[in-house]
C-alpha atoms as a PDB file:
ATOM      1  CA  MET A   1      27.292 -52.354   5.816  1.00  0.00           C
ATOM      2  CA  ASP A   2      29.833 -49.312   6.893  1.00  0.00           C
ATOM      3  CA  ILE A   3      29.375 -47.942   3.605  1.00  0.00           C
ATOM      4  CA  ILE A   4      24.986 -47.946   4.439  1.00  0.00           C
ATOM      5  CA  LYS A   5      25.921 -46.500   8.321  1.00  0.00           C
ATOM      6  CA  ARG A   6      28.070 -43.629   6.948  1.00  0.00           C
ATOM      7  CA  LYS A   7      26.121 -43.024   4.511  1.00  0.00           C
ATOM      8  CA  ILE A   8      23.058 -42.457   7.117  1.00  0.00           C
ATOM      9  CA  THR A   9      25.447 -40.267   9.481  1.00  0.00           C
ATOM     10  CA  GLN A  10      25.962 -38.214   6.363  1.00  0.00           C
ATOM     11  CA  LEU A  11      22.506 -37.972   5.115  1.00  0.00           C
ATOM     12  CA  LYS A  12      21.421 -37.000   9.163  1.00  0.00           C
ATOM     13  CA  LYS A  13      23.516 -34.117   8.771  1.00  0.00           C
ATOM     14  CA  THR A  14      22.011 -33.422   5.500  1.00  0.00           C
ATOM     15  CA  LEU A  15      18.675 -33.254   7.457  1.00  0.00           C
ATOM     16  CA  LEU A  16      19.990 -30.816  10.631  1.00  0.00           C
ATOM     17  CA  ARG A  17      20.802 -28.539   7.929  1.00  0.00           C
ATOM     18  CA  ALA A  18      17.738 -29.037   5.948  1.00  0.00           C
ATOM     19  CA  GLN A  19      15.470 -27.808   8.627  1.00  0.00           C
ATOM     20  CA  ALA A  20      18.108 -24.947   9.938  1.00  0.00           C
ATOM     21  CA  ILE A  21      16.830 -23.452   6.039  1.00  0.00           C
ATOM     22  CA  ASP A  22      15.737 -20.221   6.038  1.00  0.00           C
ATOM     23  CA  GLU A  23      12.263 -20.161   4.728  1.00  0.00           C
ATOM     24  CA  ASN A  24      12.388 -15.938   4.387  1.00  0.00           C
ATOM     25  CA  ARG A  25      15.896 -16.031   2.784  1.00  0.00           C
ATOM     26  CA  LEU A  26      14.097 -18.958   0.243  1.00  0.00           C
ATOM     27  CA  ALA A  27      11.328 -17.174  -0.542  1.00  0.00           C
ATOM     28  CA  GLY A  28      13.109 -14.454  -1.045  1.00  0.00           C
ATOM     29  CA  GLU A  29      14.979 -16.173  -4.237  1.00  0.00           C
ATOM     30  CA  ILE A  30      11.806 -17.934  -5.398  1.00  0.00           C
ATOM     31  CA  LYS A  31      10.238 -14.311  -5.271  1.00  0.00           C
ATOM     32  CA  GLN A  32      13.113 -12.519  -6.902  1.00  0.00           C
ATOM     33  CA  THR A  33      13.056 -15.945 -10.010  1.00  0.00           C
ATOM     34  CA  GLY A  34       9.692 -15.046 -10.630  1.00  0.00           C
ATOM     35  CA  PHE A  35       6.850 -18.064 -11.774  1.00  0.00           C
ATOM     36  CA  LYS A  36       3.268 -18.435 -12.488  1.00  0.00           C
ATOM     37  CA  CYS A  37       2.617 -22.131 -13.961  1.00  0.00           C
ATOM     38  CA  ILE A  38       0.758 -21.088 -17.214  1.00  0.00           C
ATOM     39  CA  GLN A  39      -1.033 -24.697 -17.181  1.00  0.00           C
ATOM     40  CA  CYS A  40       0.288 -25.590 -20.713  1.00  0.00           C
ATOM     41  CA  GLY A  41       1.283 -28.965 -19.181  1.00  0.00           C
ATOM     42  CA  LYS A  42       4.783 -29.482 -20.821  1.00  0.00           C
ATOM     43  CA  CYS A  43       6.327 -30.730 -17.858  1.00  0.00           C
ATOM     44  CA  CYS A  44       3.849 -33.966 -18.140  1.00  0.00           C
ATOM     45  CA  ARG A  45       4.729 -34.955 -21.462  1.00  0.00           C
ATOM     46  CA  GLU A  46       7.444 -36.213 -22.945  1.00  0.00           C
ATOM     47  CA  GLU A  47       7.820 -34.278 -26.404  1.00  0.00           C
ATOM     48  CA  TYR A  48       9.567 -31.840 -23.991  1.00  0.00           C
ATOM     49  CA  GLY A  49      11.838 -34.071 -22.315  1.00  0.00           C
ATOM     50  CA  ASP A  50      11.848 -35.611 -18.996  1.00  0.00           C
ATOM     51  CA  ASN A  51       8.717 -36.114 -17.524  1.00  0.00           C
ATOM     52  CA  THR A  52      10.017 -38.427 -14.885  1.00  0.00           C
ATOM     53  CA  VAL A  53       8.160 -37.947 -11.532  1.00  0.00           C
ATOM     54  CA  ALA A  54       9.774 -39.889  -8.782  1.00  0.00           C
ATOM     55  CA  VAL A  55       7.432 -40.690  -5.956  1.00  0.00           C
ATOM     56  CA  PHE A  56       7.333 -42.188  -2.270  1.00  0.00           C
ATOM     57  CA  PRO A  57       5.173 -44.327  -0.918  1.00  0.00           C
ATOM     58  CA  PHE A  58       2.609 -42.638   0.933  1.00  0.00           C
ATOM     59  CA  GLU A  59       2.762 -40.123  -2.005  1.00  0.00           C
ATOM     60  CA  ILE A  60       1.368 -43.893  -3.956  1.00  0.00           C
ATOM     61  CA  ARG A  61      -0.763 -44.069  -1.381  1.00  0.00           C
ATOM     62  CA  CYS A  62      -2.550 -41.398  -1.992  1.00  0.00           C
ATOM     63  CA  ILE A  63      -2.661 -41.467  -5.384  1.00  0.00           C
ATOM     64  CA  CYS A  64      -4.446 -44.683  -5.408  1.00  0.00           C
ATOM     65  CA  GLU A  65      -6.906 -43.828  -3.065  1.00  0.00           C
ATOM     66  CA  LYS A  66      -8.344 -40.964  -4.897  1.00  0.00           C
ATOM     67  CA  THR A  67      -7.590 -42.789  -8.568  1.00  0.00           C
ATOM     68  CA  GLY A  68      -9.123 -45.984  -7.226  1.00  0.00           C
ATOM     69  CA  MET A  69      -6.222 -47.695  -9.010  1.00  0.00           C
ATOM     70  CA  ASP A  70      -4.077 -50.284  -8.258  1.00  0.00           C
ATOM     71  CA  TRP A  71       0.626 -49.380  -6.877  1.00  0.00           C
ATOM     72  CA  ASN A  72       0.588 -51.242 -10.099  1.00  0.00           C
ATOM     73  CA  GLU A  73      -1.335 -49.135 -12.117  1.00  0.00           C
ATOM     74  CA  VAL A  74       0.104 -46.365 -10.965  1.00  0.00           C
ATOM     75  CA  VAL A  75       4.096 -46.620 -10.984  1.00  0.00           C
ATOM     76  CA  LEU A  76       6.729 -48.602 -12.229  1.00  0.00           C
ATOM     77  CA  PRO A  77      10.249 -49.108 -10.598  1.00  0.00           C
ATOM     78  CA  THR A  78      12.680 -46.675 -11.454  1.00  0.00           C
ATOM     79  CA  PRO A  79      13.772 -47.565 -14.348  1.00  0.00           C
ATOM     80  CA  SER A  80      17.547 -48.288 -13.610  1.00  0.00           C
ATOM     81  CA  GLY A  81      19.380 -50.649 -11.256  1.00  0.00           C
ATOM     82  CA  ASP A  82      21.851 -53.574 -10.279  1.00  0.00           C
ATOM     83  CA  THR A  83      21.476 -57.351 -10.960  1.00  0.00           C
ATOM     84  CA  ASP A  84      22.237 -59.652  -8.299  1.00  0.00           C
ATOM     85  CA  SER A  85      23.983 -63.058  -8.624  1.00  0.00           C
ATOM     86  CA  GLU A  86      19.911 -64.989 -10.179  1.00  0.00           C
ATOM     87  CA  GLY A  87      19.925 -62.003 -12.587  1.00  0.00           C
ATOM     88  CA  ASN A  88      17.248 -60.165 -10.442  1.00  0.00           C
ATOM     89  CA  ILE A  89      16.924 -56.202 -11.036  1.00  0.00           C
ATOM     90  CA  HIS A  90      17.351 -54.172  -7.642  1.00  0.00           C
ATOM     91  CA  THR A  91      16.813 -50.741  -8.379  1.00  0.00           C
ATOM     92  CA  PHE A  92      15.669 -47.818  -5.422  1.00  0.00           C
ATOM     93  CA  GLU A  93      12.041 -45.895  -5.373  1.00  0.00           C
ATOM     94  CA  TRP A  94       9.310 -45.751  -8.020  1.00  0.00           C
ATOM     95  CA  VAL A  95       8.187 -43.487 -10.838  1.00  0.00           C
ATOM     96  CA  ILE A  96       4.752 -42.506 -12.030  1.00  0.00           C
ATOM     97  CA  ARG A  97       3.954 -44.628 -15.159  1.00  0.00           C
ATOM     98  CA  THR A  98       3.861 -42.601 -18.650  1.00  0.00           C
ATOM     99  CA  ASN A  99       2.091 -43.924 -21.485  1.00  0.00           C
ATOM    100  CA  GLY A 100       4.904 -41.469 -23.110  1.00  0.00           C
ATOM    101  CA  ASP A 101       2.985 -38.593 -21.316  1.00  0.00           C
ATOM    102  CA  CYS A 102       1.894 -39.155 -17.526  1.00  0.00           C
ATOM    103  CA  ILE A 103      -1.052 -41.294 -17.169  1.00  0.00           C
ATOM    104  CA  PHE A 104      -2.867 -38.800 -15.183  1.00  0.00           C
ATOM    105  CA  LEU A 105      -2.431 -35.983 -18.034  1.00  0.00           C
ATOM    106  CA  LYS A 106      -6.056 -35.706 -19.012  1.00  0.00           C
ATOM    107  CA  ASP A 107      -7.379 -33.367 -21.742  1.00  0.00           C
ATOM    108  CA  GLY A 108      -4.286 -31.014 -20.931  1.00  0.00           C
ATOM    109  CA  MET A 109      -4.836 -31.018 -16.667  1.00  0.00           C
ATOM    110  CA  CYS A 110      -3.815 -33.296 -14.216  1.00  0.00           C
ATOM    111  CA  SER A 111      -6.428 -35.615 -12.954  1.00  0.00           C
ATOM    112  CA  VAL A 112      -4.877 -36.370  -9.992  1.00  0.00           C
ATOM    113  CA  TYR A 113      -3.783 -32.403  -8.751  1.00  0.00           C
ATOM    114  CA  GLU A 114      -4.796 -32.301  -5.443  1.00  0.00           C
ATOM    115  CA  GLU A 115      -2.863 -35.335  -5.042  1.00  0.00           C
ATOM    116  CA  ARG A 116       0.129 -34.567  -7.198  1.00  0.00           C
ATOM    117  CA  PRO A 117       3.350 -35.659  -5.340  1.00  0.00           C
ATOM    118  CA  TYR A 118       5.955 -32.932  -3.968  1.00  0.00           C
ATOM    119  CA  ILE A 119       8.258 -33.240  -6.762  1.00  0.00           C
ATOM    120  CA  CYS A 120       4.829 -31.449  -9.462  1.00  0.00           C
ATOM    121  CA  LYS A 121       4.088 -29.234  -6.373  1.00  0.00           C
ATOM    122  CA  THR A 122       7.089 -27.155  -6.473  1.00  0.00           C
ATOM    123  CA  TYR A 123       8.173 -26.916  -9.821  1.00  0.00           C
ATOM    124  CA  PRO A 124      10.283 -25.727 -11.409  1.00  0.00           C
ATOM    125  CA  PHE A 125      11.614 -25.833  -8.521  1.00  0.00           C
ATOM    126  CA  TYR A 126      13.970 -27.746  -6.202  1.00  0.00           C
ATOM    127  CA  LEU A 127      16.591 -27.630  -3.471  1.00  0.00           C
ATOM    128  CA  TYR A 128      20.166 -29.290  -4.155  1.00  0.00           C
ATOM    129  CA  GLU A 129      22.562 -29.000  -1.191  1.00  0.00           C
ATOM    130  CA  GLU A 130      20.142 -26.703   0.222  1.00  0.00           C
ATOM    131  CA  ARG A 131      20.582 -23.947  -2.867  1.00  0.00           C
ATOM    132  CA  LEU A 132      17.439 -23.346  -5.109  1.00  0.00           C
ATOM    133  CA  MET A 133      17.436 -24.770  -8.358  1.00  0.00           C
ATOM    134  CA  VAL A 134      15.492 -24.013 -11.164  1.00  0.00           C
ATOM    135  CA  CYS A 135      14.439 -26.171 -14.417  1.00  0.00           C
ATOM    136  CA  ASN A 136      13.495 -24.519 -17.233  1.00  0.00           C
ATOM    137  CA  CYS A 137       9.716 -23.982 -18.072  1.00  0.00           C
ATOM    138  CA  GLU A 138       7.406 -21.367 -19.747  1.00  0.00           C
ATOM    139  CA  GLY A 139       6.220 -19.746 -16.414  1.00  0.00           C
ATOM    140  CA  LEU A 140       9.337 -18.742 -15.086  1.00  0.00           C
ATOM    141  CA  GLY A 141      10.154 -15.108 -14.823  1.00  0.00           C
ATOM    142  CA  LYS A 142       6.302 -13.671 -14.168  1.00  0.00           C
ATOM    143  CA  SER A 143       5.156 -11.946 -11.084  1.00  0.00           C
ATOM    144  CA  MET A 144       5.003 -13.717  -8.324  1.00  0.00           C
ATOM    145  CA  GLY A 145       3.195 -12.377  -5.027  1.00  0.00           C
ATOM    146  CA  GLU A 146       4.885 -12.251  -1.273  1.00  0.00           C
ATOM    147  CA  LEU A 147       1.810 -15.639  -0.340  1.00  0.00           C
ATOM    148  CA  GLU A 148       2.843 -17.598  -3.554  1.00  0.00           C
ATOM    149  CA  SER A 149       6.863 -17.039  -2.782  1.00  0.00           C
ATOM    150  CA  ARG A 150       6.600 -18.100   0.858  1.00  0.00           C
ATOM    151  CA  GLU A 151       3.732 -21.143   0.186  1.00  0.00           C
ATOM    152  CA  MET A 152       6.247 -22.459  -2.448  1.00  0.00           C
ATOM    153  CA  ALA A 153       9.700 -21.472  -0.025  1.00  0.00           C
ATOM    154  CA  SER A 154       7.518 -23.654   2.841  1.00  0.00           C
ATOM    155  CA  LEU A 155       6.856 -26.442   0.006  1.00  0.00           C
ATOM    156  CA  LEU A 156      10.177 -26.957  -0.860  1.00  0.00           C
ATOM    157  CA  LYS A 157      11.853 -27.051   2.451  1.00  0.00           C
ATOM    158  CA  GLU A 158       9.065 -30.098   3.276  1.00  0.00           C
ATOM    159  CA  ARG A 159      10.140 -31.683  -0.094  1.00  0.00           C
ATOM    160  CA  TYR A 160      13.473 -31.565   0.853  1.00  0.00           C
ATOM    161  CA  ILE A 161      13.443 -32.993   4.109  1.00  0.00           C
ATOM    162  CA  THR A 162      11.050 -35.449   3.478  1.00  0.00           C
ATOM    163  CA  GLU A 163      13.525 -36.663   0.676  1.00  0.00           C
ATOM    164  CA  ILE A 164      16.347 -36.821   3.295  1.00  0.00           C
ATOM    165  CA  THR A 165      13.859 -38.598   5.807  1.00  0.00           C
ATOM    166  CA  GLU A 166      12.854 -40.719   3.074  1.00  0.00           C
ATOM    167  CA  SER A 167      16.352 -41.777   1.996  1.00  0.00           C
ATOM    168  CA  ILE A 168      17.209 -42.475   5.963  1.00  0.00           C
ATOM    169  CA  SER A 169      14.531 -44.902   6.182  1.00  0.00           C
ATOM    170  CA  LEU A 170      15.802 -46.807   2.963  1.00  0.00           C
ATOM    171  CA  PHE A 171      19.270 -47.320   4.219  1.00  0.00           C
ATOM    172  CA  GLU A 172      18.254 -48.085   7.752  1.00  0.00           C
ATOM    173  CA  LYS A 173      16.162 -50.864   5.423  1.00  0.00           C
ATOM    174  CA  PHE A 174      18.520 -51.738   3.181  1.00  0.00           C
ATOM    175  CA  LYS A 175      19.495 -55.606   3.141  1.00  0.00           C
ATOM    176  CA  GLU A 176      21.942 -55.573   0.469  1.00  0.00           C
ATOM    177  CA  PHE A 177      20.719 -57.234  -3.192  1.00  0.00           C
ATOM    178  CA  ASN A 178      19.788 -60.281  -1.812  1.00  0.00           C
ATOM    179  CA  PRO A 179      18.475 -62.968  -4.511  1.00  0.00           C
ATOM    180  CA  GLY A 180      15.757 -64.844  -3.830  1.00  0.00           C
ATOM    181  CA  GLY A 181      12.636 -62.980  -3.953  1.00  0.00           C
ATOM    182  CA  ARG A 182       9.192 -63.528  -6.123  1.00  0.00           C
ATOM    183  CA  GLY A 183       9.459 -61.711  -8.645  1.00  0.00           C
ATOM    184  CA  ASN A 184      12.590 -60.249 -11.075  1.00  0.00           C
ATOM    185  CA  VAL A 185      12.894 -56.589  -9.561  1.00  0.00           C
ATOM    186  CA  CYS A 186      13.235 -55.360  -5.960  1.00  0.00           C
ATOM    187  CA  VAL A 187      12.464 -51.772  -5.461  1.00  0.00           C
ATOM    188  CA  HIS A 188      13.992 -50.600  -2.273  1.00  0.00           C
ATOM    189  CA  ASP A 189      12.428 -47.854  -0.779  1.00  0.00           C
ATOM    190  CA  SER A 190      11.843 -45.933   2.656  1.00  0.00           C
ATOM    191  CA  GLU A 191       9.268 -49.267   3.683  1.00  0.00           C
ATOM    192  CA  GLY A 192      11.723 -52.167   2.821  1.00  0.00           C
ATOM    193  CA  GLU A 193      11.934 -54.690  -0.144  1.00  0.00           C
ATOM    194  CA  HIS A 194       9.047 -54.646  -2.799  1.00  0.00           C
ATOM    195  CA  TRP A 195       9.720 -57.869  -5.514  1.00  0.00           C
ATOM    196  CA  VAL A 196       7.690 -56.863  -8.667  1.00  0.00           C
ATOM    197  CA  THR A 197       7.346 -59.159 -11.715  1.00  0.00           C
ATOM    198  CA  LEU A 198       7.729 -57.150 -14.882  1.00  0.00           C
END
């Protein structure tokens, strides 16, 4: 468990750096890169690459409330993990279900647009070690206004801080890979352990 304590300490230091990110500088980088969503839906479709959408528990609940769907209809455990002594799979966090394409892509549009997760709201941008990173996207290079770049910078910083705080909560609740749950997959997230049967 010393490894877990060290990880939490590292994450808390990362959180302090994340909170200190200069949104004006970030907005300038985003504006210089340029982006405008052209509503092609390629980021949601399997044929154009990895369309995996990782989500936090609070985002899942928002989508469930909006759609009336159950938790297990909306998400699956993240598809990689380790196995315990009884053969149960242990994994971290959740991903939106797909049928190849995202299940919420309807007639080329997002059917949960107002409740879409951070990863979708900030696409094609993300922060890695406080640096702006950019995914390949058809909308890149398009002119972007001051207000839009500032809104994106604010959302990116918020997402990054949320990712770190969710990770801290996950490790604070983590109880190692203990067998004996009710199911064959244990998802460890910021709320604890969730045993599911696949």
